[in-house]
Amino acid sequence: MNSRGVSAHMKDSVPVAGLCPQGAYGVQDSLRGGFSSVKNELLPSHPLELSEKNFHLNQDKVNLSTLRNIQGLHAPLKLQMEYRAARQIQRLPFLQSSHLALDTLRGSDDVIGFEDILNDPAQSEMMGEPHMMVEYKLGLL
């Protein structure tokens, strides 16, 4: 060991995004973040995976550009403001949120999709200690 000590060595190290420990004890929190794999983070498993992952984002961009061409600059700005406000409306962290306001703004509230059938909150694996989840969300833990 040098005269600077361990704390100085830690200050000189460069953190690498995604590889740094995220838990309170210096290990990755697999219960909250899931298992990580470097290969899954680098390459998509299928060529259409990126297209499917960004489908709603690309659809929103096309809708907003069409809206801007038809009604002017104020319409997409107002709609984006409403989207942002609707995304902030949620239930407590241990309860599943339906995001009904966001679905209504997007016009997908009357469409029954794959996630509507197989996303039953009663079968969710995300159930935990309510007090601990709220404290984690508020940054108290």
N, C-alpha and C. Protein backbone atom coordinates (compact mmCIF):
# COMPACT_ATOMS: atom_id res chain seq x y z
N MET A 1 0.83 -1.18 0.00
CA MET A 1 0.00 0.00 0.00
C MET A 1 0.87 1.24 0.00
N ASN A 2 0.42 2.26 -0.64
CA ASN A 2 1.18 3.50 -0.64
C ASN A 2 0.73 4.38 0.53
N SER A 3 1.36 5.54 0.64
CA SER A 3 1.07 6.42 1.77
C SER A 3 -0.27 7.14 1.63
N ARG A 4 -0.84 7.12 0.42
CA ARG A 4 -2.09 7.84 0.20
C ARG A 4 -3.29 7.10 0.76
N GLY A 5 -3.21 5.80 0.91
CA GLY A 5 -4.30 5.03 1.51
C GLY A 5 -5.32 4.55 0.48
N VAL A 6 -6.28 3.81 0.95
CA VAL A 6 -7.30 3.22 0.09
C VAL A 6 -8.28 4.26 -0.43
N SER A 7 -8.64 5.24 0.41
CA SER A 7 -9.63 6.23 -0.01
C SER A 7 -9.10 7.09 -1.15
N ALA A 8 -7.82 7.39 -1.16
CA ALA A 8 -7.26 8.16 -2.26
C ALA A 8 -7.23 7.33 -3.53
N HIS A 9 -7.01 6.00 -3.39
CA HIS A 9 -7.00 5.14 -4.56
C HIS A 9 -8.39 5.10 -5.19
N MET A 10 -9.43 5.07 -4.39
CA MET A 10 -10.80 5.04 -4.90
C MET A 10 -11.17 6.35 -5.58
N LYS A 11 -10.62 7.46 -5.12
CA LYS A 11 -10.91 8.74 -5.75
C LYS A 11 -10.28 8.85 -7.11
N ASP A 12 -9.13 8.17 -7.30
CA ASP A 12 -8.42 8.24 -8.57
C ASP A 12 -9.01 7.31 -9.62
N SER A 13 -9.83 6.36 -9.23
CA SER A 13 -10.36 5.39 -10.18
C SER A 13 -11.46 6.03 -11.02
N VAL A 14 -11.60 5.53 -12.24
CA VAL A 14 -12.59 6.06 -13.18
C VAL A 14 -13.76 5.09 -13.21
N PRO A 15 -15.00 5.54 -12.89
CA PRO A 15 -16.14 4.64 -12.93
C PRO A 15 -16.56 4.35 -14.36
N VAL A 16 -16.89 3.11 -14.64
CA VAL A 16 -17.37 2.70 -15.95
C VAL A 16 -18.86 2.50 -15.83
N ALA A 17 -19.63 3.15 -16.72
CA ALA A 17 -21.10 3.08 -16.64
C ALA A 17 -21.57 1.65 -16.84
N GLY A 18 -22.43 1.19 -15.98
CA GLY A 18 -23.02 -0.13 -16.09
C GLY A 18 -22.22 -1.21 -15.38
N LEU A 19 -20.93 -0.98 -15.10
CA LEU A 19 -20.12 -1.98 -14.43
C LEU A 19 -19.86 -1.63 -12.98
N CYS A 20 -20.26 -0.45 -12.56
CA CYS A 20 -20.03 -0.02 -11.18
C CYS A 20 -21.06 -0.67 -10.26
N PRO A 21 -20.65 -1.01 -9.04
CA PRO A 21 -21.63 -1.56 -8.10
C PRO A 21 -22.67 -0.51 -7.75
N GLN A 22 -23.91 -0.95 -7.66
CA GLN A 22 -25.00 0.00 -7.42
C GLN A 22 -25.64 -0.19 -6.06
N GLY A 23 -25.33 -1.26 -5.39
CA GLY A 23 -25.97 -1.52 -4.10
C GLY A 23 -25.27 -0.80 -2.97
N ALA A 24 -25.86 -0.92 -1.80
CA ALA A 24 -25.32 -0.23 -0.63
C ALA A 24 -24.04 -0.88 -0.13
N TYR A 25 -23.83 -2.18 -0.43
CA TYR A 25 -22.67 -2.89 0.08
C TYR A 25 -21.61 -3.13 -0.98
N GLY A 26 -21.68 -2.46 -2.11
CA GLY A 26 -20.67 -2.58 -3.14
C GLY A 26 -20.91 -3.70 -4.12
N VAL A 27 -22.08 -4.31 -4.12
CA VAL A 27 -22.42 -5.34 -5.10
C VAL A 27 -23.67 -4.90 -5.84
N GLN A 28 -23.87 -5.49 -7.01
CA GLN A 28 -25.03 -5.13 -7.81
C GLN A 28 -26.31 -5.62 -7.13
N ASP A 29 -27.34 -4.80 -7.16
CA ASP A 29 -28.62 -5.15 -6.56
C ASP A 29 -29.46 -5.89 -7.60
N SER A 30 -29.32 -7.21 -7.64
CA SER A 30 -30.00 -8.03 -8.65
C SER A 30 -31.49 -8.12 -8.42
N LEU A 31 -31.95 -7.95 -7.18
CA LEU A 31 -33.39 -8.03 -6.93
C LEU A 31 -34.14 -6.86 -7.53
N ARG A 32 -33.54 -5.68 -7.50
CA ARG A 32 -34.21 -4.50 -8.06
C ARG A 32 -33.88 -4.27 -9.52
N GLY A 33 -32.64 -4.55 -9.94
CA GLY A 33 -32.22 -4.26 -11.30
C GLY A 33 -32.18 -5.44 -12.23
N GLY A 34 -32.29 -6.66 -11.70
CA GLY A 34 -32.23 -7.85 -12.53
C GLY A 34 -30.78 -8.25 -12.79
N PHE A 35 -30.61 -9.39 -13.45
CA PHE A 35 -29.28 -9.87 -13.77
C PHE A 35 -28.72 -9.07 -14.94
N SER A 36 -27.42 -8.84 -14.92
CA SER A 36 -26.82 -8.07 -16.00
C SER A 36 -25.88 -8.95 -16.79
N SER A 37 -25.80 -8.66 -18.06
CA SER A 37 -24.89 -9.37 -18.95
C SER A 37 -24.31 -8.34 -19.91
N VAL A 38 -23.01 -8.34 -20.06
CA VAL A 38 -22.37 -7.37 -20.94
C VAL A 38 -22.78 -7.60 -22.38
N LYS A 39 -22.92 -8.85 -22.78
CA LYS A 39 -23.29 -9.18 -24.15
C LYS A 39 -24.68 -8.62 -24.50
N ASN A 40 -25.63 -8.72 -23.58
CA ASN A 40 -26.98 -8.22 -23.83
C ASN A 40 -27.01 -6.70 -23.93
N GLU A 41 -26.09 -6.02 -23.25
CA GLU A 41 -26.07 -4.57 -23.30
C GLU A 41 -25.40 -4.05 -24.57
N LEU A 42 -24.52 -4.85 -25.18
CA LEU A 42 -23.77 -4.39 -26.35
C LEU A 42 -24.50 -4.63 -27.66
N LEU A 43 -25.01 -5.82 -27.85
CA LEU A 43 -25.59 -6.20 -29.13
C LEU A 43 -27.04 -6.62 -28.98
N PRO A 44 -27.91 -6.21 -29.92
CA PRO A 44 -29.28 -6.73 -29.89
C PRO A 44 -29.27 -8.19 -30.35
N SER A 45 -30.22 -8.97 -29.86
CA SER A 45 -30.25 -10.39 -30.21
C SER A 45 -30.88 -10.62 -31.58
N HIS A 46 -31.62 -9.66 -32.09
CA HIS A 46 -32.27 -9.79 -33.40
C HIS A 46 -32.22 -8.44 -34.10
N PRO A 47 -32.11 -8.42 -35.43
CA PRO A 47 -32.04 -7.12 -36.15
C PRO A 47 -33.25 -6.22 -35.95
N LEU A 48 -34.42 -6.79 -35.72
CA LEU A 48 -35.62 -5.98 -35.54
C LEU A 48 -35.85 -5.55 -34.10
N GLU A 49 -34.99 -5.98 -33.18
CA GLU A 49 -35.18 -5.65 -31.77
C GLU A 49 -35.10 -4.14 -31.53
N LEU A 50 -34.15 -3.47 -32.15
CA LEU A 50 -34.05 -2.01 -31.97
C LEU A 50 -35.26 -1.29 -32.55
N SER A 51 -35.73 -1.77 -33.69
CA SER A 51 -36.91 -1.16 -34.30
C SER A 51 -38.14 -1.33 -33.42
N GLU A 52 -38.32 -2.51 -32.85
CA GLU A 52 -39.45 -2.76 -31.97
C GLU A 52 -39.33 -2.00 -30.65
N LYS A 53 -38.11 -1.86 -30.16
CA LYS A 53 -37.90 -1.15 -28.89
C LYS A 53 -38.24 0.33 -29.05
N ASN A 54 -37.95 0.89 -30.22
CA ASN A 54 -38.17 2.32 -30.46
C ASN A 54 -39.44 2.59 -31.26
N PHE A 55 -40.35 1.63 -31.35
CA PHE A 55 -41.54 1.80 -32.17
C PHE A 55 -42.41 2.96 -31.71
N HIS A 56 -42.71 3.00 -30.41
CA HIS A 56 -43.59 4.06 -29.91
C HIS A 56 -42.92 5.43 -30.02
N LEU A 57 -41.61 5.49 -29.81
CA LEU A 57 -40.88 6.75 -29.95
C LEU A 57 -40.91 7.24 -31.40
N ASN A 58 -40.68 6.33 -32.35
CA ASN A 58 -40.72 6.71 -33.76
C ASN A 58 -42.13 7.10 -34.19
N GLN A 59 -43.13 6.40 -33.68
CA GLN A 59 -44.52 6.73 -34.01
C GLN A 59 -44.89 8.11 -33.46
N ASP A 60 -44.44 8.41 -32.24
CA ASP A 60 -44.70 9.73 -31.67
C ASP A 60 -44.01 10.84 -32.47
N LYS A 61 -42.79 10.59 -32.93
CA LYS A 61 -42.08 11.59 -33.74
C LYS A 61 -42.82 11.88 -35.04
N VAL A 62 -43.31 10.83 -35.69
CA VAL A 62 -44.06 11.02 -36.94
C VAL A 62 -45.36 11.78 -36.68
N ASN A 63 -46.07 11.42 -35.61
CA ASN A 63 -47.33 12.10 -35.28
C ASN A 63 -47.09 13.56 -34.94
N LEU A 64 -46.02 13.85 -34.18
CA LEU A 64 -45.73 15.24 -33.82
C LEU A 64 -45.29 16.07 -35.01
N SER A 65 -44.52 15.48 -35.93
CA SER A 65 -44.12 16.24 -37.12
C SER A 65 -45.32 16.50 -38.03
N THR A 66 -46.23 15.53 -38.14
CA THR A 66 -47.45 15.75 -38.92
C THR A 66 -48.31 16.83 -38.29
N LEU A 67 -48.42 16.78 -36.97
CA LEU A 67 -49.20 17.79 -36.25
C LEU A 67 -48.59 19.18 -36.41
N ARG A 68 -47.26 19.25 -36.42
CA ARG A 68 -46.58 20.54 -36.60
C ARG A 68 -46.83 21.09 -38.00
N ASN A 69 -46.81 20.23 -39.02
CA ASN A 69 -47.05 20.68 -40.38
C ASN A 69 -48.49 21.16 -40.58
N ILE A 70 -49.43 20.54 -39.88
CA ILE A 70 -50.84 20.89 -40.07
C ILE A 70 -51.25 22.09 -39.22
N GLN A 71 -50.89 22.09 -37.92
CA GLN A 71 -51.41 23.10 -37.00
C GLN A 71 -50.39 24.12 -36.54
N GLY A 72 -49.11 23.91 -36.80
CA GLY A 72 -48.10 24.86 -36.36
C GLY A 72 -47.29 24.33 -35.19
N LEU A 73 -46.36 25.16 -34.72
CA LEU A 73 -45.42 24.74 -33.69
C LEU A 73 -46.06 24.56 -32.31
N HIS A 74 -47.12 25.29 -32.02
CA HIS A 74 -47.70 25.24 -30.68
C HIS A 74 -48.36 23.90 -30.37
N ALA A 75 -48.92 23.22 -31.36
CA ALA A 75 -49.66 21.98 -31.11
C ALA A 75 -48.77 20.85 -30.58
N PRO A 76 -47.62 20.55 -31.22
CA PRO A 76 -46.78 19.48 -30.65
C PRO A 76 -46.18 19.86 -29.30
N LEU A 77 -45.89 21.14 -29.08
CA LEU A 77 -45.35 21.56 -27.78
C LEU A 77 -46.37 21.35 -26.66
N LYS A 78 -47.62 21.71 -26.95
CA LYS A 78 -48.69 21.52 -25.95
C LYS A 78 -48.91 20.04 -25.67
N LEU A 79 -48.88 19.23 -26.73
CA LEU A 79 -49.08 17.79 -26.57
C LEU A 79 -47.94 17.15 -25.78
N GLN A 80 -46.71 17.58 -26.03
CA GLN A 80 -45.57 17.06 -25.28
C GLN A 80 -45.65 17.46 -23.81
N MET A 81 -46.12 18.67 -23.54
CA MET A 81 -46.31 19.10 -22.16
C MET A 81 -47.36 18.22 -21.46
N GLU A 82 -48.43 17.91 -22.16
CA GLU A 82 -49.47 17.06 -21.58
C GLU A 82 -48.95 15.63 -21.37
N TYR A 83 -48.13 15.12 -22.31
CA TYR A 83 -47.53 13.79 -22.14
C TYR A 83 -46.66 13.76 -20.89
N ARG A 84 -45.84 14.78 -20.70
CA ARG A 84 -44.94 14.83 -19.56
C ARG A 84 -45.73 14.87 -18.25
N ALA A 85 -46.80 15.64 -18.23
CA ALA A 85 -47.62 15.72 -17.02
C ALA A 85 -48.33 14.40 -16.76
N ALA A 86 -48.80 13.73 -17.81
CA ALA A 86 -49.50 12.45 -17.64
C ALA A 86 -48.55 11.34 -17.21
N ARG A 87 -47.28 11.40 -17.62
CA ARG A 87 -46.30 10.39 -17.21
C ARG A 87 -45.97 10.49 -15.72
N GLN A 88 -46.11 11.67 -15.15
CA GLN A 88 -45.77 11.87 -13.74
C GLN A 88 -46.86 11.37 -12.80
N ILE A 89 -48.05 11.13 -13.31
CA ILE A 89 -49.15 10.64 -12.48
C ILE A 89 -48.96 9.15 -12.29
N GLN A 90 -48.67 8.73 -11.05
CA GLN A 90 -48.47 7.32 -10.76
C GLN A 90 -49.04 6.98 -9.39
N ARG A 91 -49.22 5.72 -9.17
CA ARG A 91 -49.62 5.24 -7.85
C ARG A 91 -48.38 5.06 -7.00
N LEU A 92 -48.55 4.53 -5.81
CA LEU A 92 -47.42 4.25 -4.95
C LEU A 92 -46.50 3.23 -5.63
N PRO A 93 -45.21 3.20 -5.29
CA PRO A 93 -44.26 2.33 -6.00
C PRO A 93 -44.58 0.85 -5.95
N PHE A 94 -45.30 0.38 -4.94
CA PHE A 94 -45.58 -1.05 -4.86
C PHE A 94 -46.88 -1.44 -5.55
N LEU A 95 -47.59 -0.47 -6.15
CA LEU A 95 -48.82 -0.76 -6.89
C LEU A 95 -48.60 -0.52 -8.38
N GLN A 96 -49.22 -1.35 -9.20
CA GLN A 96 -49.11 -1.22 -10.64
C GLN A 96 -49.91 -0.01 -11.11
N SER A 97 -49.29 0.85 -11.92
CA SER A 97 -49.98 2.03 -12.44
C SER A 97 -50.48 1.75 -13.85
N SER A 98 -51.70 2.18 -14.15
CA SER A 98 -52.29 1.87 -15.46
C SER A 98 -51.95 2.91 -16.52
N HIS A 99 -51.55 4.11 -16.13
CA HIS A 99 -51.23 5.20 -17.08
C HIS A 99 -52.40 5.46 -18.03
N LEU A 100 -53.59 5.53 -17.48
CA LEU A 100 -54.79 5.72 -18.28
C LEU A 100 -54.78 7.08 -18.98
N ALA A 101 -54.30 8.13 -18.30
CA ALA A 101 -54.27 9.46 -18.91
C ALA A 101 -53.33 9.48 -20.12
N LEU A 102 -52.19 8.80 -20.01
CA LEU A 102 -51.25 8.75 -21.13
C LEU A 102 -51.82 7.96 -22.30
N ASP A 103 -52.49 6.86 -22.02
CA ASP A 103 -53.14 6.09 -23.08
C ASP A 103 -54.23 6.89 -23.76
N THR A 104 -54.97 7.69 -23.00
CA THR A 104 -56.02 8.53 -23.58
C THR A 104 -55.43 9.60 -24.49
N LEU A 105 -54.33 10.21 -24.07
CA LEU A 105 -53.69 11.22 -24.91
C LEU A 105 -53.14 10.62 -26.19
N ARG A 106 -52.63 9.41 -26.12
CA ARG A 106 -52.07 8.77 -27.31
C ARG A 106 -53.14 8.15 -28.19
N GLY A 107 -54.35 8.01 -27.67
CA GLY A 107 -55.43 7.42 -28.46
C GLY A 107 -55.42 5.91 -28.43
N SER A 108 -54.69 5.31 -27.49
CA SER A 108 -54.61 3.86 -27.43
C SER A 108 -55.42 3.29 -26.27
N ASP A 109 -56.34 4.07 -25.73
CA ASP A 109 -57.15 3.59 -24.61
C ASP A 109 -58.23 2.61 -25.05
N ASP A 110 -58.60 2.62 -26.32
CA ASP A 110 -59.63 1.71 -26.80
C ASP A 110 -59.05 0.52 -27.56
N VAL A 111 -57.73 0.35 -27.53
CA VAL A 111 -57.06 -0.74 -28.23
C VAL A 111 -56.64 -1.79 -27.21
N ILE A 112 -57.00 -3.05 -27.47
CA ILE A 112 -56.60 -4.14 -26.60
C ILE A 112 -55.36 -4.78 -27.21
N GLY A 113 -54.28 -4.72 -26.46
CA GLY A 113 -53.01 -5.24 -26.96
C GLY A 113 -52.50 -6.41 -26.14
N PHE A 114 -51.31 -6.86 -26.51
CA PHE A 114 -50.66 -7.99 -25.84
C PHE A 114 -50.44 -7.71 -24.36
N GLU A 115 -50.00 -6.49 -24.04
CA GLU A 115 -49.70 -6.15 -22.65
C GLU A 115 -50.96 -6.01 -21.80
N ASP A 116 -52.12 -5.80 -22.42
CA ASP A 116 -53.36 -5.71 -21.66
C ASP A 116 -53.83 -7.07 -21.15
N ILE A 117 -53.56 -8.12 -21.90
CA ILE A 117 -54.00 -9.46 -21.52
C ILE A 117 -53.00 -10.11 -20.55
N LEU A 118 -51.70 -10.04 -20.88
CA LEU A 118 -50.69 -10.77 -20.11
C LEU A 118 -49.98 -9.92 -19.06
N ASN A 119 -50.46 -8.73 -18.79
CA ASN A 119 -49.83 -7.86 -17.79
C ASN A 119 -50.75 -7.71 -16.58
N ASP A 120 -51.17 -8.82 -16.03
CA ASP A 120 -52.08 -8.81 -14.90
C ASP A 120 -51.32 -8.44 -13.63
N PRO A 121 -51.70 -7.35 -12.95
CA PRO A 121 -50.98 -6.94 -11.73
C PRO A 121 -51.05 -7.98 -10.62
N ALA A 122 -52.07 -8.82 -10.61
CA ALA A 122 -52.17 -9.84 -9.57
C ALA A 122 -51.10 -10.91 -9.72
N GLN A 123 -50.58 -11.10 -10.94
CA GLN A 123 -49.55 -12.09 -11.18
C GLN A 123 -48.16 -11.46 -11.23
N SER A 124 -48.04 -10.23 -10.82
CA SER A 124 -46.77 -9.52 -10.89
C SER A 124 -45.76 -10.08 -9.89
N GLU A 125 -44.49 -10.10 -10.31
CA GLU A 125 -43.41 -10.53 -9.42
C GLU A 125 -42.81 -9.34 -8.69
N MET A 126 -43.38 -8.16 -8.87
CA MET A 126 -42.84 -6.92 -8.32
C MET A 126 -43.44 -6.60 -6.96
N MET A 127 -44.03 -7.54 -6.29
CA MET A 127 -44.60 -7.26 -4.98
C MET A 127 -43.52 -7.36 -3.93
N GLY A 128 -43.47 -6.40 -3.06
CA GLY A 128 -42.46 -6.39 -2.01
C GLY A 128 -42.99 -5.69 -0.78
N GLU A 129 -42.08 -5.36 0.10
CA GLU A 129 -42.43 -4.65 1.32
C GLU A 129 -42.79 -3.21 0.95
N PRO A 130 -44.04 -2.78 1.15
CA PRO A 130 -44.47 -1.45 0.72
C PRO A 130 -43.68 -0.31 1.36
N HIS A 131 -43.40 -0.40 2.64
CA HIS A 131 -42.69 0.68 3.31
C HIS A 131 -41.27 0.84 2.75
N MET A 132 -40.61 -0.29 2.52
CA MET A 132 -39.25 -0.23 2.01
C MET A 132 -39.22 0.31 0.57
N MET A 133 -40.21 -0.04 -0.24
CA MET A 133 -40.24 0.44 -1.62
C MET A 133 -40.50 1.94 -1.68
N VAL A 134 -41.37 2.45 -0.83
CA VAL A 134 -41.63 3.90 -0.79
C VAL A 134 -40.41 4.65 -0.30
N GLU A 135 -39.74 4.12 0.71
CA GLU A 135 -38.53 4.77 1.23
C GLU A 135 -37.43 4.77 0.17
N TYR A 136 -37.31 3.69 -0.61
CA TYR A 136 -36.32 3.62 -1.68
C TYR A 136 -36.63 4.65 -2.77
N LYS A 137 -37.90 4.78 -3.11
CA LYS A 137 -38.32 5.74 -4.14
C LYS A 137 -38.05 7.18 -3.68
N LEU A 138 -38.23 7.47 -2.41
CA LEU A 138 -38.00 8.80 -1.88
C LEU A 138 -36.53 9.08 -1.56
N GLY A 139 -35.68 8.05 -1.68
CA GLY A 139 -34.26 8.22 -1.44
C GLY A 139 -33.87 8.18 0.02
N LEU A 140 -34.70 7.58 0.85
CA LEU A 140 -34.39 7.49 2.28
C LEU A 140 -33.53 6.29 2.61
N LEU A 141 -33.47 5.31 1.72
CA LEU A 141 -32.63 4.13 1.94
C LEU A 141 -31.32 4.25 1.22
